[in-house]
Amino acid sequence: MSEDAQDVVLIVEDEPAILMVLADYLSGEGYRVLQAKDSVEAFEILATKPHLDLMITDFRLPNGVSGVAIAEPAVKLRPELKVIFISGYPAEILESNSPIALKAPILAKPFPLQDLQEIVEKLLS
């Protein structure tokens, strides 16, 4: 990534400690990080930010809205948007039978931050 261009990453995670760790780590790696604690905040960011490169989303989110339910319309709106799913229940993501879930990388919580970084670099290269 060139120094004059920052990739923009949206993290959707309802657990404050996990959201903070991921945001701090990716910011430290040079990414511009936006944070959402639920689907409402995620859709607000998706509707108002003209440029996003990557969305990292938990599968189980508050109010019964899954990460897949956020990713599907987000990718329809922004076909170039890359998605990574994170979950303590990774099988549920595949069981959703979403075309996005079948293609996107899935990280099972807990995961090493280096694993996340490797996937982010691969998707954004």
Protein backbone atom coordinates (compact mmCIF):
# COMPACT_ATOMS: atom_id res chain seq x y z
CA MET A 1 0.00 0.00 0.00
CA SER A 2 1.43 3.36 -0.94
CA GLU A 3 1.83 5.93 1.80
CA ASP A 4 -0.45 8.43 0.10
CA ALA A 5 -3.38 6.01 -0.28
CA GLN A 6 -5.02 4.44 2.74
CA ASP A 7 -7.28 1.45 2.34
CA VAL A 8 -10.53 1.97 4.25
CA VAL A 9 -11.75 -0.89 6.42
CA LEU A 10 -15.16 -1.09 8.12
CA ILE A 11 -15.26 -3.36 11.17
CA VAL A 12 -18.71 -4.49 12.36
CA GLU A 13 -18.41 -6.09 15.81
CA ASP A 14 -20.73 -5.87 18.82
CA GLU A 15 -18.15 -6.88 21.44
CA PRO A 16 -16.40 -3.62 22.44
CA ALA A 17 -13.09 -5.25 23.43
CA ILE A 18 -12.80 -7.17 20.16
CA LEU A 19 -13.77 -4.09 18.13
CA MET A 20 -11.11 -2.04 19.92
CA VAL A 21 -8.36 -4.66 19.44
CA LEU A 22 -9.13 -5.10 15.73
CA ALA A 23 -9.41 -1.36 15.10
CA ASP A 24 -6.19 -0.57 16.96
CA TYR A 25 -4.30 -3.36 15.21
CA LEU A 26 -5.43 -2.47 11.69
CA SER A 27 -4.90 1.26 12.30
CA GLY A 28 -1.38 0.43 13.42
CA GLU A 29 -0.88 -1.49 10.17
CA GLY A 30 -1.74 1.66 8.21
CA TYR A 31 -5.41 1.15 7.38
CA ARG A 32 -8.10 3.79 7.88
CA VAL A 33 -10.60 2.05 10.15
CA LEU A 34 -14.30 2.79 10.57
CA GLN A 35 -16.20 1.07 13.38
CA ALA A 36 -19.78 -0.10 13.79
CA LYS A 37 -21.16 -1.92 16.82
CA ASP A 38 -24.34 -3.11 15.10
CA SER A 39 -26.21 -3.25 11.81
CA VAL A 40 -27.68 0.24 12.24
CA GLU A 41 -24.25 1.84 12.45
CA ALA A 42 -22.92 -0.39 9.66
CA PHE A 43 -25.70 0.58 7.25
CA GLU A 44 -25.26 4.26 8.17
CA ILE A 45 -21.57 4.07 7.28
CA LEU A 46 -22.30 2.14 4.08
CA ALA A 47 -24.85 4.78 3.08
CA THR A 48 -22.68 7.81 3.82
CA LYS A 49 -19.07 6.87 3.08
CA PRO A 50 -18.24 7.09 -0.61
CA HIS A 51 -15.22 4.79 -0.40
CA LEU A 52 -14.74 1.49 1.43
CA ASP A 53 -12.28 -1.23 0.46
CA LEU A 54 -13.04 -3.96 2.98
CA MET A 55 -15.66 -4.93 5.53
CA ILE A 56 -14.81 -7.23 8.42
CA THR A 57 -18.00 -8.35 10.10
CA ASP A 58 -19.00 -10.60 12.94
CA PHE A 59 -21.72 -13.09 12.03
CA ARG A 60 -23.86 -12.86 15.17
CA LEU A 61 -24.87 -9.25 15.80
CA PRO A 62 -27.53 -7.59 18.00
CA ASN A 63 -31.21 -7.61 17.07
CA GLY A 64 -30.93 -10.83 15.07
CA VAL A 65 -29.16 -9.21 12.12
CA SER A 66 -26.30 -11.33 10.84
CA GLY A 67 -23.09 -10.18 9.22
CA VAL A 68 -24.31 -11.91 6.06
CA ALA A 69 -27.45 -9.74 6.10
CA ILE A 70 -25.17 -6.68 6.12
CA ALA A 71 -22.66 -7.99 3.58
CA GLU A 72 -25.17 -9.02 0.89
CA PRO A 73 -26.70 -5.56 0.29
CA ALA A 74 -23.31 -3.90 0.86
CA VAL A 75 -21.73 -5.90 -1.97
CA LYS A 76 -24.74 -5.28 -4.23
CA LEU A 77 -24.32 -1.56 -3.61
CA ARG A 78 -20.49 -1.73 -3.86
CA PRO A 79 -19.45 -4.74 -6.00
CA GLU A 80 -15.76 -3.97 -5.41
CA LEU A 81 -16.14 -4.27 -1.60
CA LYS A 82 -14.20 -7.18 -0.10
CA VAL A 83 -15.64 -9.02 2.93
CA ILE A 84 -14.15 -11.06 5.76
CA PHE A 85 -16.41 -12.83 8.24
CA ILE A 86 -15.35 -13.43 11.84
CA SER A 87 -17.28 -15.60 14.25
CA GLY A 88 -17.15 -17.87 17.22
CA TYR A 89 -19.59 -20.00 15.20
CA PRO A 90 -18.05 -20.19 11.72
CA ALA A 91 -20.24 -23.12 10.57
CA GLU A 92 -23.31 -20.86 10.83
CA ILE A 93 -21.84 -18.57 8.19
CA LEU A 94 -21.55 -21.41 5.69
CA GLU A 95 -24.98 -22.74 6.66
CA SER A 96 -26.48 -19.40 5.61
CA ASN A 97 -25.87 -20.53 1.99
CA SER A 98 -25.17 -16.94 1.03
CA PRO A 99 -23.10 -16.65 -2.15
CA ILE A 100 -20.94 -14.10 -0.34
CA ALA A 101 -20.44 -16.41 2.64
CA LEU A 102 -19.34 -19.21 0.34
CA LYS A 103 -16.66 -16.97 -1.27
CA ALA A 104 -15.46 -14.72 1.55
CA PRO A 105 -12.73 -15.69 4.00
CA ILE A 106 -13.97 -16.80 7.43
CA LEU A 107 -11.91 -16.48 10.60
CA ALA A 108 -13.02 -18.47 13.64
CA LYS A 109 -12.70 -16.56 16.91
CA PRO A 110 -10.30 -16.45 18.57
CA PHE A 111 -7.78 -15.98 15.78
CA PRO A 112 -4.22 -14.61 15.64
CA LEU A 113 -4.10 -11.01 14.44
CA GLN A 114 -1.36 -12.04 12.01
CA ASP A 115 -3.87 -14.37 10.28
CA LEU A 116 -6.24 -11.43 9.85
CA GLN A 117 -3.44 -9.23 8.51
CA GLU A 118 -2.43 -11.86 5.94
CA ILE A 119 -6.01 -12.15 4.64
CA VAL A 120 -6.48 -8.37 4.56
CA GLU A 121 -3.25 -7.92 2.60
CA LYS A 122 -4.23 -10.65 0.15
CA LEU A 123 -7.70 -9.20 -0.46
CA LEU A 124 -6.48 -5.62 -0.86
CA SER A 125 -3.40 -6.30 -2.99
